[in-house]
């Protein structure tokens, strides 16, 4: 019995601390919450509805609340209608009112109320200077509601997504957006511009590859000033695939002699160190294990697979023993999420699913079940992953909440996503 008890405790600890183990049943009761339209002033009805839809969506993505789907309208100052909501099982009411000032600033007032007894839990006021950025107003409100209940942080919702979008043959542009792709702003256009990568956690600058010069060229761009700095160029290819936690080093895939290898580039000194020397294809390096090691994609086995090695040299270790085409990956701490090609389905199209592994265990967790799911990227919380889902000739941004076993899709209405980062 003692050995059995120890084994059970060990298993519980694994479930609590290892995201590669899928939690199949969540016993925690989620509070039932309704978002109430408490009116608007100077804001058109379409914008107000989009704002409310985003706020409801954010709270669903948080995966902590049982969000009521019904449209509810309530006066901001009155308690009218609260009793009927409580009788229907609603526990929390989030009243939201938005208004626009003459200068263009958008304001939001939010009351969080206990529906059972009418107690005001808190009231907060928010503002944003540019109306078209209203999605971030909704995201900030959802973050605060989530924080009030002590739920796992969703502060990543404030982050900007940066992505490249194909617009026509040989043409692509780079945009920043919120994670739902509701707000979008073009920052690089003209020619073929691909593989954007944030240069730091402040998201004030990014790397990208331009194919508009004689050779593929890697640039660093300041988002706010527009200043563009050439980092390096290569006759074959050049891509920044990852940035160290402090932003001082980047991993670059270069092919100066037609054979792509991974290099460690020091941003300050502009010196580079070749990390792989295989006479074949080595691409997509990512830092793991406190930036001491890298994982990367290589065709050493005759097909794309994930390998690991130290940045200080040494042997190369195979990480994945599943699948025959593991062509993209992302890392966070000890975790690796990767895309793997499955067998063809009945319609003759390839299926790519996402899997999660740890560098310290042998567990493999399947994250998606169908379709073409590619180019995963971890959020800075390590519990959320974005990816590209291709649906015919269209694409969508997918969001995976690892600890909640939930996924969400946000389609791109025009163009096709080439690569993403956040």
Protein backbone atom coordinates (compact mmCIF):
# COMPACT_ATOMS: atom_id res chain seq x y z
CA UNK A 1 0.00 0.00 0.00
CA UNK A 2 2.83 2.38 0.84
CA UNK A 3 4.42 1.88 -2.59
CA UNK A 4 1.05 2.37 -4.27
CA UNK A 5 0.49 5.62 -2.34
CA UNK A 6 3.93 6.94 -3.34
CA UNK A 7 3.22 6.05 -6.98
CA UNK A 8 -0.13 7.90 -6.85
CA UNK A 9 1.45 11.00 -5.33
CA UNK A 10 4.15 10.94 -8.00
CA UNK A 11 1.51 10.67 -10.73
CA UNK A 12 -0.46 13.60 -9.29
CA UNK A 13 2.69 15.73 -9.22
CA UNK A 14 3.38 14.89 -12.87
CA UNK A 15 -0.14 15.96 -13.85
CA UNK A 16 0.23 19.20 -11.93
CA UNK A 17 3.60 20.21 -13.31
CA UNK A 18 4.13 18.57 -16.71
CA UNK A 19 2.16 20.07 -19.58
CA UNK A 20 2.95 17.09 -21.79
CA UNK A 21 0.46 15.03 -19.80
CA UNK A 22 -3.06 15.73 -20.97
CA UNK A 23 -5.56 16.49 -18.22
CA UNK A 24 -8.71 14.76 -19.45
CA UNK A 25 -11.11 15.87 -16.74
CA UNK A 26 -11.23 19.22 -14.96
CA UNK A 27 -13.10 18.92 -11.67
CA UNK A 28 -12.95 22.62 -10.84
CA UNK A 29 -16.29 24.43 -11.12
CA UNK A 30 -16.06 27.46 -13.40
CA UNK A 31 -18.18 30.48 -12.42
CA UNK A 32 -21.04 31.24 -14.81
CA UNK A 33 -20.56 34.77 -16.11
CA UNK A 34 -22.58 37.02 -18.40
CA UNK A 35 -21.33 40.15 -20.18
CA UNK A 36 -24.08 42.78 -20.20
CA UNK A 37 -24.41 45.61 -22.71
CA UNK A 38 -24.78 48.66 -20.49
CA UNK A 39 -25.03 51.19 -23.32
CA UNK A 40 -22.80 53.48 -25.34
CA UNK A 41 -22.34 57.14 -26.19
CA UNK A 42 -20.88 58.41 -29.48
CA UNK A 43 -20.00 54.87 -30.59
CA UNK A 44 -21.74 53.28 -33.55
CA UNK A 45 -23.71 50.13 -32.86
CA UNK A 46 -21.46 47.97 -35.08
CA UNK A 47 -18.33 48.89 -33.11
CA UNK A 48 -20.13 48.37 -29.81
CA UNK A 49 -21.30 44.90 -30.85
CA UNK A 50 -17.80 43.94 -32.03
CA UNK A 51 -16.36 45.18 -28.73
CA UNK A 52 -18.82 43.11 -26.69
CA UNK A 53 -18.21 40.07 -28.89
CA UNK A 54 -14.46 40.40 -28.34
CA UNK A 55 -14.86 40.72 -24.57
CA UNK A 56 -17.08 37.63 -24.45
CA UNK A 57 -14.60 35.79 -26.68
CA UNK A 58 -11.63 36.78 -24.50
CA UNK A 59 -13.34 35.42 -21.40
CA UNK A 60 -14.04 32.16 -23.23
CA UNK A 61 -10.41 31.92 -24.34
CA UNK A 62 -9.33 32.42 -20.70
CA UNK A 63 -10.91 28.98 -20.16
CA UNK A 64 -11.73 29.86 -16.55
CA UNK A 65 -15.33 31.04 -16.96
CA UNK A 66 -18.55 29.41 -18.11
CA UNK A 67 -19.52 32.37 -20.30
CA UNK A 68 -23.22 32.79 -21.06
CA UNK A 69 -23.92 33.02 -24.80
CA UNK A 70 -27.09 35.12 -24.56
CA UNK A 71 -27.19 38.84 -25.38
CA UNK A 72 -28.10 40.76 -22.22
CA UNK A 73 -28.85 44.47 -22.02
CA UNK A 74 -28.80 46.22 -18.64
CA UNK A 75 -28.69 49.77 -17.36
CA UNK A 76 -25.24 50.63 -16.02
CA UNK A 77 -26.55 52.24 -12.81
CA UNK A 78 -29.64 50.12 -12.12
CA UNK A 79 -30.03 46.67 -10.53
CA UNK A 80 -32.98 45.87 -12.78
CA UNK A 81 -32.82 42.42 -14.32
CA UNK A 82 -30.18 41.12 -11.92
CA UNK A 83 -32.55 38.86 -9.97
CA UNK A 84 -33.76 37.02 -13.07
CA UNK A 85 -30.16 36.40 -14.17
CA UNK A 86 -29.30 35.03 -10.72
CA UNK A 87 -32.36 32.76 -10.83
CA UNK A 88 -31.17 31.39 -14.19
CA UNK A 89 -27.85 30.36 -12.63
CA UNK A 90 -25.68 33.36 -13.51
CA UNK A 91 -23.14 34.05 -10.75
CA UNK A 92 -21.14 36.99 -12.13
CA UNK A 93 -22.32 39.97 -14.20
CA UNK A 94 -19.83 42.14 -16.10
CA UNK A 95 -21.60 45.35 -17.11
CA UNK A 96 -19.79 47.20 -19.88
CA UNK A 97 -20.42 50.70 -21.21
CA UNK A 98 -18.33 52.42 -23.90
CA UNK A 99 -18.23 56.02 -25.09
CA UNK A 100 -16.19 58.16 -27.42
CA UNK A 101 -14.80 61.58 -26.51
CA UNK A 102 -14.65 64.49 -28.96
CA UNK A 103 -10.89 64.05 -29.33
CA UNK A 104 -11.40 60.47 -30.51
CA UNK A 105 -10.42 58.69 -27.28
CA UNK A 106 -12.48 55.59 -26.55
CA UNK A 107 -13.55 55.04 -22.93
CA UNK A 108 -14.95 51.92 -21.27
CA UNK A 109 -16.56 51.56 -17.85
CA UNK A 110 -16.92 48.11 -16.31
CA UNK A 111 -18.74 46.90 -13.21
CA UNK A 112 -18.19 43.38 -11.94
CA UNK A 113 -21.16 42.28 -9.83
CA UNK A 114 -22.01 39.23 -7.74
CA UNK A 115 -25.40 38.29 -9.22
CA UNK A 116 -26.48 36.31 -6.14
CA UNK A 117 -26.38 39.20 -3.67
CA UNK A 118 -25.89 42.28 -5.86
CA UNK A 119 -22.52 43.16 -4.31
CA UNK A 120 -20.22 45.31 -6.44
CA UNK A 121 -16.95 43.41 -6.71
CA UNK A 122 -15.16 46.25 -8.47
CA UNK A 123 -15.60 49.08 -10.95
CA UNK A 124 -12.84 50.08 -13.36
CA UNK A 125 -12.40 52.60 -16.15
CA UNK A 126 -10.34 52.14 -19.30
CA UNK A 127 -9.31 54.32 -22.22
CA UNK A 128 -7.48 54.03 -25.52
CA UNK A 129 -6.40 56.92 -27.71
CA UNK A 130 -7.14 55.37 -31.10
CA UNK A 131 -10.60 53.95 -31.77
CA UNK A 132 -9.37 51.27 -34.20
CA UNK A 133 -7.41 49.70 -31.33
CA UNK A 134 -10.60 48.89 -29.39
CA UNK A 135 -9.76 45.14 -29.38
CA UNK A 136 -7.00 45.88 -26.86
CA UNK A 137 -9.55 47.69 -24.69
CA UNK A 138 -11.57 44.46 -24.55
CA UNK A 139 -8.42 42.39 -23.93
CA UNK A 140 -7.36 44.57 -20.98
CA UNK A 141 -10.81 44.26 -19.38
CA UNK A 142 -10.77 40.47 -19.76
CA UNK A 143 -7.28 40.30 -18.26
CA UNK A 144 -8.42 42.24 -15.17
CA UNK A 145 -11.58 40.15 -14.69
CA UNK A 146 -9.48 37.01 -15.02
CA UNK A 147 -6.92 38.34 -12.52
CA UNK A 148 -9.63 39.23 -10.00
CA UNK A 149 -10.58 35.57 -9.71
CA UNK A 150 -6.95 34.46 -9.45
CA UNK A 151 -7.16 32.44 -12.66
CA UNK A 152 -3.99 31.63 -14.65
CA UNK A 153 -2.76 34.81 -16.31
CA UNK A 154 -3.95 35.75 -19.79
CA UNK A 155 -1.78 38.87 -20.00
CA UNK A 156 -0.45 37.54 -23.32
CA UNK A 157 -3.66 38.95 -24.83
CA UNK A 158 -2.01 42.38 -24.69
CA UNK A 159 0.81 41.21 -26.95
CA UNK A 160 0.98 42.09 -30.62
CA UNK A 161 1.02 39.32 -33.18
CA UNK A 162 3.39 39.95 -36.07
CA UNK A 163 2.87 37.99 -39.27
CA UNK A 164 3.68 37.87 -42.96
CA UNK A 165 0.78 37.65 -45.40
CA UNK A 166 0.95 36.53 -49.01
CA UNK A 167 -1.02 38.95 -51.18
CA UNK A 168 -0.16 37.66 -54.68
CA UNK A 169 2.53 35.68 -56.48
CA UNK A 170 5.94 36.86 -55.23
CA UNK A 171 4.34 39.52 -53.01
CA UNK A 172 3.95 39.52 -49.24
CA UNK A 173 3.62 42.12 -46.52
CA UNK A 174 4.21 42.22 -42.78
CA UNK A 175 1.51 43.28 -40.34
CA UNK A 176 1.00 43.65 -36.60
CA UNK A 177 -2.32 42.63 -35.09
CA UNK A 178 -4.09 41.63 -31.91
CA UNK A 179 -4.37 37.88 -31.37
CA UNK A 180 -7.90 37.75 -32.84
CA UNK A 181 -6.73 39.51 -36.05
CA UNK A 182 -9.50 42.10 -35.53
CA UNK A 183 -7.00 44.97 -35.36
CA UNK A 184 -4.38 44.88 -38.12
CA UNK A 185 -1.76 47.39 -39.25
CA UNK A 186 0.57 47.00 -42.23
CA UNK A 187 4.20 47.90 -41.45
CA UNK A 188 6.22 46.43 -44.36
CA UNK A 189 4.99 46.15 -47.95
CA UNK A 190 6.32 45.94 -51.51
CA UNK A 191 8.01 42.80 -52.78
CA UNK A 192 8.58 39.56 -50.88
CA UNK A 193 8.93 40.07 -47.12
CA UNK A 194 8.75 37.00 -44.88
CA UNK A 195 9.57 35.39 -41.51
CA UNK A 196 9.08 38.30 -39.07
CA UNK A 197 10.39 37.68 -35.54
CA UNK A 198 10.09 40.00 -32.53
CA UNK A 199 13.52 41.17 -31.39
CA UNK A 200 12.62 41.51 -27.70
CA UNK A 201 9.82 41.21 -25.15
CA UNK A 202 9.02 44.93 -25.48
CA UNK A 203 7.96 44.30 -29.08
CA UNK A 204 9.46 47.60 -30.21
CA UNK A 205 11.51 46.05 -33.01
CA UNK A 206 11.57 42.92 -35.17
CA UNK A 207 13.69 40.95 -37.62
CA UNK A 208 12.47 39.91 -41.06
CA UNK A 209 13.83 38.54 -44.33
CA UNK A 210 13.63 40.56 -47.54
CA UNK A 211 13.94 38.95 -50.97
CA UNK A 212 13.99 42.32 -52.70
CA UNK A 213 17.77 42.66 -53.01
CA UNK A 214 20.42 40.72 -54.93
CA UNK A 215 20.67 38.26 -52.03
CA UNK A 216 18.17 37.42 -49.27
CA UNK A 217 18.75 39.99 -46.52
CA UNK A 218 17.93 40.01 -42.81
CA UNK A 219 16.81 43.38 -41.41
CA UNK A 220 16.06 44.75 -37.95
CA UNK A 221 13.23 47.31 -37.92
CA UNK A 222 12.12 49.66 -35.14
CA UNK A 223 8.31 49.63 -35.09
CA UNK A 224 7.96 53.19 -33.78
CA UNK A 225 10.66 55.05 -35.72
CA UNK A 226 10.69 52.91 -38.86
CA UNK A 227 14.50 52.76 -38.75
CA UNK A 228 15.73 49.72 -40.71
CA UNK A 229 19.16 48.18 -40.04
CA UNK A 230 20.77 45.53 -42.22
CA UNK A 231 21.95 42.58 -40.13
CA UNK A 232 23.35 40.17 -42.74
CA UNK A 233 22.70 38.66 -46.16
CA UNK A 234 23.31 35.27 -47.70
CA UNK A 235 23.31 34.01 -51.26
CA UNK A 236 21.11 31.00 -50.46
CA UNK A 237 18.72 31.95 -47.65
CA UNK A 238 18.69 33.78 -44.34
CA UNK A 239 16.06 33.61 -41.60
CA UNK A 240 16.02 34.64 -37.93
CA UNK A 241 14.27 31.71 -36.23
CA UNK A 242 14.68 32.59 -32.53
CA UNK A 243 15.86 35.27 -30.12
CA UNK A 244 17.47 34.66 -26.73
CA UNK A 245 15.54 35.71 -23.61
CA UNK A 246 17.62 38.87 -23.16
CA UNK A 247 17.60 39.69 -26.87
CA UNK A 248 21.40 39.68 -27.11
CA UNK A 249 21.68 36.66 -29.40
CA UNK A 250 19.69 35.30 -32.30
CA UNK A 251 19.62 32.02 -34.18
CA UNK A 252 19.94 32.43 -37.94
CA UNK A 253 19.55 29.88 -40.69
CA UNK A 254 21.96 30.73 -43.51
CA UNK A 255 22.99 28.94 -46.70
CA UNK A 256 26.06 30.78 -48.05
CA UNK A 257 27.18 27.63 -49.87
CA UNK A 258 23.71 26.37 -50.82
CA UNK A 259 23.56 24.13 -47.73
CA UNK A 260 21.50 25.67 -44.88
CA UNK A 261 23.07 25.61 -41.42
CA UNK A 262 22.27 27.27 -38.10
CA UNK A 263 24.41 30.10 -36.75
CA UNK A 264 24.48 31.84 -33.37
CA UNK A 265 24.67 35.60 -33.99
CA UNK A 266 25.74 38.11 -31.32
CA UNK A 267 23.67 41.28 -31.85
CA UNK A 268 26.15 43.69 -30.21
CA UNK A 269 29.41 42.43 -31.73
CA UNK A 270 27.80 41.20 -34.99
CA UNK A 271 29.94 38.06 -34.71
CA UNK A 272 28.52 34.68 -35.68
CA UNK A 273 29.25 31.10 -34.70
CA UNK A 274 28.29 28.12 -36.84
CA UNK A 275 26.40 25.57 -34.74
CA UNK A 276 25.60 22.85 -37.30
CA UNK A 277 27.88 21.41 -39.96
CA UNK A 278 25.82 18.62 -41.48
CA UNK A 279 26.13 18.38 -45.28
CA UNK A 280 22.40 18.58 -45.72
CA UNK A 281 19.49 20.66 -44.44
CA UNK A 282 19.55 22.12 -40.89
CA UNK A 283 17.00 24.91 -40.29
CA UNK A 284 14.66 26.55 -37.74
CA UNK A 285 16.86 26.69 -34.64
CA UNK A 286 15.15 27.41 -31.30
CA UNK A 287 16.69 28.00 -27.87
CA UNK A 288 15.79 25.53 -25.09
CA UNK A 289 16.90 24.79 -21.52
CA UNK A 290 17.72 28.40 -20.49
CA UNK A 291 19.29 29.16 -23.89
CA UNK A 292 22.01 26.57 -23.29
CA UNK A 293 20.85 24.20 -26.03
CA UNK A 294 19.05 24.47 -29.35
CA UNK A 295 16.47 22.31 -31.09
CA UNK A 296 16.27 22.42 -34.87
CA UNK A 297 14.83 20.71 -37.94
CA UNK A 298 17.15 18.48 -39.97
CA UNK A 299 16.88 15.91 -42.76
CA UNK A 300 19.62 13.70 -41.27
CA UNK A 301 17.27 10.71 -41.33
CA UNK A 302 16.13 11.31 -44.90
CA UNK A 303 13.05 13.26 -43.76
CA UNK A 304 12.51 16.36 -41.58
CA UNK A 305 12.82 15.66 -37.86
CA UNK A 306 13.67 17.50 -34.63
CA UNK A 307 17.16 17.32 -33.10
CA UNK A 308 18.96 18.92 -30.17
CA UNK A 309 22.51 20.01 -29.41
CA UNK A 310 24.38 22.36 -27.08
CA UNK A 311 25.37 25.82 -28.27
CA UNK A 312 28.85 24.94 -26.97
CA UNK A 313 29.23 22.02 -29.38
CA UNK A 314 29.03 18.30 -28.78
CA UNK A 315 26.88 15.58 -30.28
CA UNK A 316 23.48 15.90 -31.92
CA UNK A 317 20.55 14.11 -30.24
CA UNK A 318 17.36 13.01 -31.98
CA UNK A 319 14.32 14.37 -30.08
CA UNK A 320 11.34 12.91 -31.95
CA UNK A 321 10.72 9.24 -32.71
CA UNK A 322 7.22 9.80 -34.05
CA UNK A 323 6.14 10.79 -37.55
CA UNK A 324 7.99 11.03 -40.86
CA UNK A 325 7.77 14.76 -41.51
CA UNK A 326 8.31 16.94 -38.45
CA UNK A 327 8.97 20.20 -40.23
CA UNK A 328 8.38 23.06 -37.77
CA UNK A 329 8.84 23.60 -34.05
CA UNK A 330 8.89 26.15 -31.25
CA UNK A 331 10.27 25.99 -27.71
CA UNK A 332 9.66 27.38 -24.24
CA UNK A 333 11.94 26.37 -21.38
CA UNK A 334 12.03 22.58 -21.48
CA UNK A 335 9.01 22.23 -23.79
CA UNK A 336 8.92 21.76 -27.56
CA UNK A 337 5.81 21.97 -29.70
CA UNK A 338 6.17 20.65 -33.24
CA UNK A 339 4.17 19.92 -36.38
CA UNK A 340 4.10 16.37 -37.72
CA UNK A 341 2.65 15.04 -40.97
CA UNK A 342 0.12 12.26 -40.47
CA UNK A 343 -1.10 9.69 -43.00
CA UNK A 344 -3.25 11.00 -45.84
CA UNK A 345 -6.95 11.18 -45.18
CA UNK A 346 -9.72 9.84 -47.43
CA UNK A 347 -9.69 13.02 -49.53
CA UNK A 348 -6.02 12.60 -50.39
CA UNK A 349 -4.77 15.65 -48.49
CA UNK A 350 -1.93 15.63 -45.99
CA UNK A 351 -2.83 16.17 -42.35
CA UNK A 352 -0.35 17.98 -40.09
CA UNK A 353 -0.99 17.87 -36.35
CA UNK A 354 0.77 19.55 -33.43
CA UNK A 355 2.45 17.64 -30.61
CA UNK A 356 4.06 18.69 -27.32
CA UNK A 357 7.11 17.07 -25.73
CA UNK A 358 9.54 17.88 -22.94
CA UNK A 359 13.33 17.70 -23.14
CA UNK A 360 13.26 15.98 -19.73
CA UNK A 361 10.60 13.27 -20.15
CA UNK A 362 9.46 10.75 -22.78
CA UNK A 363 5.83 11.87 -22.83
CA UNK A 364 4.22 13.03 -26.08
CA UNK A 365 0.95 14.96 -26.06
CA UNK A 366 -1.18 15.43 -29.18
CA UNK A 367 -2.60 18.96 -29.40
CA UNK A 368 -4.64 18.94 -32.64
CA UNK A 369 -6.58 16.19 -34.37
CA UNK A 370 -7.28 17.20 -37.97
CA UNK A 371 -6.41 19.55 -40.82
CA UNK A 372 -3.13 21.25 -41.63
CA UNK A 373 -1.70 22.84 -38.48
CA UNK A 374 1.73 24.43 -38.90
CA UNK A 375 4.33 26.85 -37.48
CA UNK A 376 3.50 26.77 -33.74
CA UNK A 377 4.74 29.55 -31.45
CA UNK A 378 4.73 29.62 -27.64
CA UNK A 379 3.43 32.62 -25.71
CA UNK A 380 5.55 34.02 -22.89
CA UNK A 381 3.42 32.16 -20.32
CA UNK A 382 4.42 28.74 -21.67
CA UNK A 383 0.76 27.64 -21.44
CA UNK A 384 -0.52 29.12 -24.70
CA UNK A 385 0.49 28.31 -28.27
CA UNK A 386 -0.49 30.03 -31.51
CA UNK A 387 -0.24 28.32 -34.88
CA UNK A 388 -1.36 28.63 -38.50
CA UNK A 389 -4.25 26.46 -39.66
CA UNK A 390 -4.61 26.19 -43.41
CA UNK A 391 -8.15 25.64 -44.66
CA UNK A 392 -8.16 25.21 -48.45
CA UNK A 393 -6.81 28.44 -49.93
CA UNK A 394 -7.40 30.34 -46.69
CA UNK A 395 -5.69 30.43 -43.32
CA UNK A 396 -6.53 31.13 -39.71
CA UNK A 397 -4.62 31.89 -36.54
CA UNK A 398 -5.16 29.13 -33.98
CA UNK A 399 -4.82 29.50 -30.21
CA UNK A 400 -4.20 26.48 -27.97
CA UNK A 401 -4.67 26.71 -24.17
CA UNK A 402 -2.55 23.78 -23.04
CA UNK A 403 -3.71 23.42 -19.44
CA UNK A 404 -7.38 23.76 -20.39
CA UNK A 405 -7.26 21.45 -23.44
CA UNK A 406 -9.08 24.03 -25.55
CA UNK A 407 -8.43 25.56 -28.96
CA UNK A 408 -9.80 28.57 -30.85
CA UNK A 409 -9.55 29.74 -34.47
CA UNK A 410 -9.45 33.30 -35.86
CA UNK A 411 -9.60 33.39 -39.67
CA UNK A 412 -7.69 35.84 -41.84
CA UNK A 413 -10.22 37.35 -44.23
CA UNK A 414 -7.79 38.43 -46.99
CA UNK A 415 -4.52 36.87 -48.09
CA UNK A 416 -2.77 33.85 -46.60
CA UNK A 417 -0.57 33.75 -43.49
CA UNK A 418 3.04 32.81 -44.28
CA UNK A 419 4.57 32.91 -40.78
CA UNK A 420 3.75 34.31 -37.33
CA UNK A 421 5.33 35.38 -34.05
CA UNK A 422 4.27 37.05 -30.79
